[in-house]
Amino acid sequence: MSPDHTPRTILPIPDVTHVGLTTYDAKDPDTSYPPIRDIRPPDGAPNVLVILIDDVGFGASSAFGGPCQTPNFEKLAASGLRY
C-alpha cells in the first residue's frame, strides 16, 4: 500500500502507524510525527449516517412505534432508511 492511499475497507479509518519514540520534552523539539493528511471521501461518495445505540430495545423509540418519544430520530427516519 502506498503512503498516499488510505484503505477504505474498514471503519473507522485506521490511524497512521507510529514512526518511533515520541517524546514530550521541550529539550527535544525534533520528535518526528507521522504526517497529518487530510482524508476526504472519493468523488460521488454517498452521505451515510449510522447511529448505533447500546442497550435500547428495538421497539422502544417512537420512530419504531415504541413509547419513548424521539422526535429527532423520527425526522431522520422519515427521510432515510430504517431497518
N, C-alpha and C. Protein backbone atom coordinates (compact mmCIF):
# COMPACT_ATOMS: atom_id res chain seq x y z
N MET A 1 0.84 -1.18 0.00
CA MET A 1 0.00 0.00 0.00
C MET A 1 0.88 1.24 0.00
N SER A 2 0.63 2.14 -0.90
CA SER A 2 1.44 3.35 -0.99
C SER A 2 1.03 4.32 0.11
N PRO A 3 1.93 5.23 0.51
CA PRO A 3 1.61 6.15 1.60
C PRO A 3 0.51 7.13 1.25
N ASP A 4 0.21 7.34 -0.04
CA ASP A 4 -0.83 8.30 -0.40
C ASP A 4 -2.19 7.62 -0.56
N HIS A 5 -2.28 6.31 -0.28
CA HIS A 5 -3.53 5.59 -0.41
C HIS A 5 -4.00 5.14 0.97
N THR A 6 -5.19 5.55 1.35
CA THR A 6 -5.76 5.16 2.63
C THR A 6 -6.77 4.05 2.40
N PRO A 7 -6.63 2.91 3.10
CA PRO A 7 -7.60 1.83 2.89
C PRO A 7 -8.98 2.25 3.37
N ARG A 8 -9.99 1.94 2.59
CA ARG A 8 -11.35 2.32 2.95
C ARG A 8 -12.24 1.10 3.13
N THR A 9 -11.63 -0.02 3.47
CA THR A 9 -12.40 -1.23 3.67
C THR A 9 -12.79 -1.44 5.13
N ILE A 10 -12.23 -0.64 6.04
CA ILE A 10 -12.53 -0.76 7.46
C ILE A 10 -12.92 0.63 7.98
N LEU A 11 -13.90 0.67 8.86
CA LEU A 11 -14.28 1.91 9.52
C LEU A 11 -14.16 1.69 11.01
N PRO A 12 -13.69 2.64 11.76
CA PRO A 12 -13.12 3.90 11.32
C PRO A 12 -11.79 3.68 10.61
N ILE A 13 -11.41 4.66 9.82
CA ILE A 13 -10.16 4.57 9.06
C ILE A 13 -9.01 4.44 10.06
N PRO A 14 -8.15 3.43 9.88
CA PRO A 14 -7.08 3.18 10.85
C PRO A 14 -6.12 4.37 10.99
N ASP A 15 -5.59 4.50 12.20
CA ASP A 15 -4.59 5.53 12.45
C ASP A 15 -3.30 5.22 11.69
N VAL A 16 -2.51 6.24 11.48
CA VAL A 16 -1.19 6.07 10.87
C VAL A 16 -0.29 5.40 11.89
N THR A 17 0.52 4.46 11.44
CA THR A 17 1.42 3.78 12.37
C THR A 17 2.48 4.74 12.90
N HIS A 18 2.91 4.48 14.11
CA HIS A 18 3.92 5.34 14.75
C HIS A 18 5.27 5.18 14.05
N VAL A 19 6.04 6.25 14.03
CA VAL A 19 7.33 6.23 13.35
C VAL A 19 8.49 6.03 14.31
N GLY A 20 8.20 5.85 15.57
CA GLY A 20 9.27 5.66 16.54
C GLY A 20 8.88 6.25 17.88
N LEU A 21 9.87 6.49 18.70
CA LEU A 21 9.65 7.02 20.02
C LEU A 21 9.12 8.45 19.94
N THR A 22 8.06 8.72 20.65
CA THR A 22 7.51 10.08 20.72
C THR A 22 7.80 10.62 22.10
N THR A 23 8.56 11.69 22.17
CA THR A 23 8.89 12.28 23.46
C THR A 23 8.11 13.57 23.64
N TYR A 24 7.78 13.84 24.86
CA TYR A 24 7.09 15.09 25.19
C TYR A 24 8.03 15.92 26.06
N ASP A 25 9.10 16.37 25.46
CA ASP A 25 10.14 17.05 26.20
C ASP A 25 10.52 18.32 25.44
N ALA A 26 10.49 19.45 26.10
CA ALA A 26 10.85 20.71 25.45
C ALA A 26 12.31 20.71 25.01
N LYS A 27 13.12 19.85 25.61
CA LYS A 27 14.53 19.78 25.23
C LYS A 27 14.73 19.05 23.91
N ASP A 28 13.71 18.31 23.47
CA ASP A 28 13.83 17.53 22.24
C ASP A 28 12.68 17.90 21.28
N PRO A 29 12.77 19.08 20.67
CA PRO A 29 11.67 19.51 19.80
C PRO A 29 11.68 18.83 18.43
N ASP A 30 12.65 17.98 18.16
CA ASP A 30 12.77 17.36 16.84
C ASP A 30 12.09 15.99 16.76
N THR A 31 11.16 15.71 17.65
CA THR A 31 10.46 14.43 17.60
C THR A 31 9.70 14.34 16.28
N SER A 32 9.86 13.21 15.60
CA SER A 32 9.19 13.08 14.31
C SER A 32 7.82 12.44 14.50
N TYR A 33 6.83 13.03 13.90
CA TYR A 33 5.47 12.54 13.93
C TYR A 33 5.07 12.11 12.53
N PRO A 34 4.13 11.18 12.42
CA PRO A 34 3.64 10.85 11.08
C PRO A 34 2.94 12.08 10.50
N PRO A 35 3.00 12.25 9.20
CA PRO A 35 2.36 13.43 8.62
C PRO A 35 0.84 13.38 8.80
N ILE A 36 0.25 14.52 9.05
CA ILE A 36 -1.20 14.61 9.16
C ILE A 36 -1.75 14.85 7.76
N ARG A 37 -2.56 13.90 7.31
CA ARG A 37 -3.11 14.02 5.96
C ARG A 37 -4.59 14.31 6.03
N ASP A 38 -5.06 15.10 5.11
CA ASP A 38 -6.47 15.42 5.02
C ASP A 38 -7.16 14.27 4.28
N ILE A 39 -8.05 13.56 4.95
CA ILE A 39 -8.73 12.43 4.33
C ILE A 39 -10.11 12.89 3.88
N ARG A 40 -10.35 12.80 2.61
CA ARG A 40 -11.63 13.19 2.01
C ARG A 40 -12.27 11.98 1.35
N PRO A 41 -13.60 11.96 1.29
CA PRO A 41 -14.26 10.86 0.58
C PRO A 41 -14.02 10.97 -0.91
N PRO A 42 -14.10 9.84 -1.62
CA PRO A 42 -13.94 9.90 -3.08
C PRO A 42 -15.07 10.70 -3.71
N ASP A 43 -14.85 11.22 -4.90
CA ASP A 43 -15.89 11.96 -5.61
C ASP A 43 -17.11 11.08 -5.80
N GLY A 44 -18.28 11.63 -5.53
CA GLY A 44 -19.52 10.90 -5.73
C GLY A 44 -19.88 9.96 -4.59
N ALA A 45 -19.14 9.99 -3.50
CA ALA A 45 -19.44 9.10 -2.37
C ALA A 45 -20.76 9.53 -1.73
N PRO A 46 -21.62 8.58 -1.35
CA PRO A 46 -22.90 8.94 -0.73
C PRO A 46 -22.70 9.40 0.71
N ASN A 47 -23.65 10.19 1.19
CA ASN A 47 -23.65 10.58 2.59
C ASN A 47 -24.35 9.48 3.37
N VAL A 48 -23.66 8.90 4.32
CA VAL A 48 -24.21 7.81 5.11
C VAL A 48 -24.05 8.15 6.58
N LEU A 49 -25.13 8.03 7.33
CA LEU A 49 -25.09 8.25 8.77
C LEU A 49 -25.56 6.97 9.44
N VAL A 50 -24.70 6.38 10.27
CA VAL A 50 -25.05 5.18 11.00
C VAL A 50 -25.12 5.55 12.48
N ILE A 51 -26.26 5.28 13.10
CA ILE A 51 -26.44 5.58 14.52
C ILE A 51 -26.56 4.26 15.25
N LEU A 52 -25.64 4.00 16.16
CA LEU A 52 -25.67 2.79 16.97
C LEU A 52 -25.93 3.19 18.42
N ILE A 53 -26.98 2.63 18.99
CA ILE A 53 -27.32 2.93 20.37
C ILE A 53 -27.27 1.62 21.15
N ASP A 54 -26.51 1.59 22.20
CA ASP A 54 -26.38 0.38 23.00
C ASP A 54 -27.47 0.33 24.07
N ASP A 55 -27.94 -0.87 24.34
CA ASP A 55 -28.87 -1.12 25.44
C ASP A 55 -30.22 -0.43 25.26
N VAL A 56 -30.72 -0.41 24.04
CA VAL A 56 -32.04 0.13 23.76
C VAL A 56 -32.81 -0.94 23.01
N GLY A 57 -34.00 -1.23 23.45
CA GLY A 57 -34.82 -2.22 22.76
C GLY A 57 -35.21 -1.73 21.38
N PHE A 58 -35.40 -2.66 20.44
CA PHE A 58 -35.70 -2.29 19.06
C PHE A 58 -36.96 -1.43 18.97
N GLY A 59 -38.00 -1.81 19.68
CA GLY A 59 -39.27 -1.09 19.58
C GLY A 59 -39.44 0.00 20.61
N ALA A 60 -38.38 0.41 21.29
CA ALA A 60 -38.51 1.40 22.36
C ALA A 60 -38.71 2.81 21.84
N SER A 61 -38.12 3.16 20.71
CA SER A 61 -38.23 4.55 20.23
C SER A 61 -39.52 4.75 19.44
N SER A 62 -40.01 5.97 19.47
CA SER A 62 -41.25 6.29 18.75
C SER A 62 -41.08 6.14 17.24
N ALA A 63 -39.85 6.20 16.74
CA ALA A 63 -39.63 6.01 15.30
C ALA A 63 -40.02 4.60 14.86
N PHE A 64 -40.02 3.66 15.81
CA PHE A 64 -40.40 2.27 15.51
C PHE A 64 -41.69 1.88 16.24
N GLY A 65 -42.48 2.88 16.66
CA GLY A 65 -43.76 2.60 17.31
C GLY A 65 -43.69 2.40 18.80
N GLY A 66 -42.57 2.69 19.41
CA GLY A 66 -42.40 2.48 20.84
C GLY A 66 -42.88 3.67 21.67
N PRO A 67 -42.84 3.52 22.99
CA PRO A 67 -43.35 4.57 23.89
C PRO A 67 -42.39 5.74 24.12
N CYS A 68 -41.11 5.59 23.82
CA CYS A 68 -40.13 6.66 24.08
C CYS A 68 -40.14 7.65 22.93
N GLN A 69 -40.49 8.89 23.23
CA GLN A 69 -40.57 9.93 22.19
C GLN A 69 -39.17 10.35 21.75
N THR A 70 -38.90 10.19 20.47
CA THR A 70 -37.60 10.55 19.89
C THR A 70 -37.84 11.34 18.61
N PRO A 71 -38.24 12.61 18.74
CA PRO A 71 -38.60 13.39 17.55
C PRO A 71 -37.46 13.58 16.56
N ASN A 72 -36.23 13.72 17.04
CA ASN A 72 -35.12 13.88 16.09
C ASN A 72 -34.86 12.60 15.32
N PHE A 73 -34.95 11.46 15.99
CA PHE A 73 -34.82 10.18 15.28
C PHE A 73 -35.95 10.02 14.27
N GLU A 74 -37.15 10.46 14.63
CA GLU A 74 -38.28 10.37 13.70
C GLU A 74 -38.02 11.19 12.44
N LYS A 75 -37.46 12.39 12.61
CA LYS A 75 -37.14 13.23 11.44
C LYS A 75 -36.10 12.56 10.55
N LEU A 76 -35.07 11.99 11.17
CA LEU A 76 -34.05 11.28 10.38
C LEU A 76 -34.65 10.07 9.68
N ALA A 77 -35.48 9.32 10.40
CA ALA A 77 -36.06 8.10 9.83
C ALA A 77 -37.04 8.43 8.70
N ALA A 78 -37.73 9.56 8.79
CA ALA A 78 -38.71 9.92 7.77
C ALA A 78 -38.04 10.20 6.42
N SER A 79 -36.80 10.65 6.45
CA SER A 79 -36.13 10.99 5.18
C SER A 79 -35.03 9.99 4.82
N GLY A 80 -35.03 8.85 5.47
CA GLY A 80 -33.96 7.89 5.20
C GLY A 80 -34.45 6.46 5.21
N LEU A 81 -33.56 5.57 5.53
CA LEU A 81 -33.82 4.14 5.53
C LEU A 81 -33.83 3.63 6.95
N ARG A 82 -34.85 2.84 7.28
CA ARG A 82 -34.92 2.23 8.62
C ARG A 82 -34.90 0.72 8.45
N TYR A 83 -34.19 0.07 9.32
CA TYR A 83 -34.23 -1.40 9.33
C TYR A 83 -33.88 -1.91 10.69
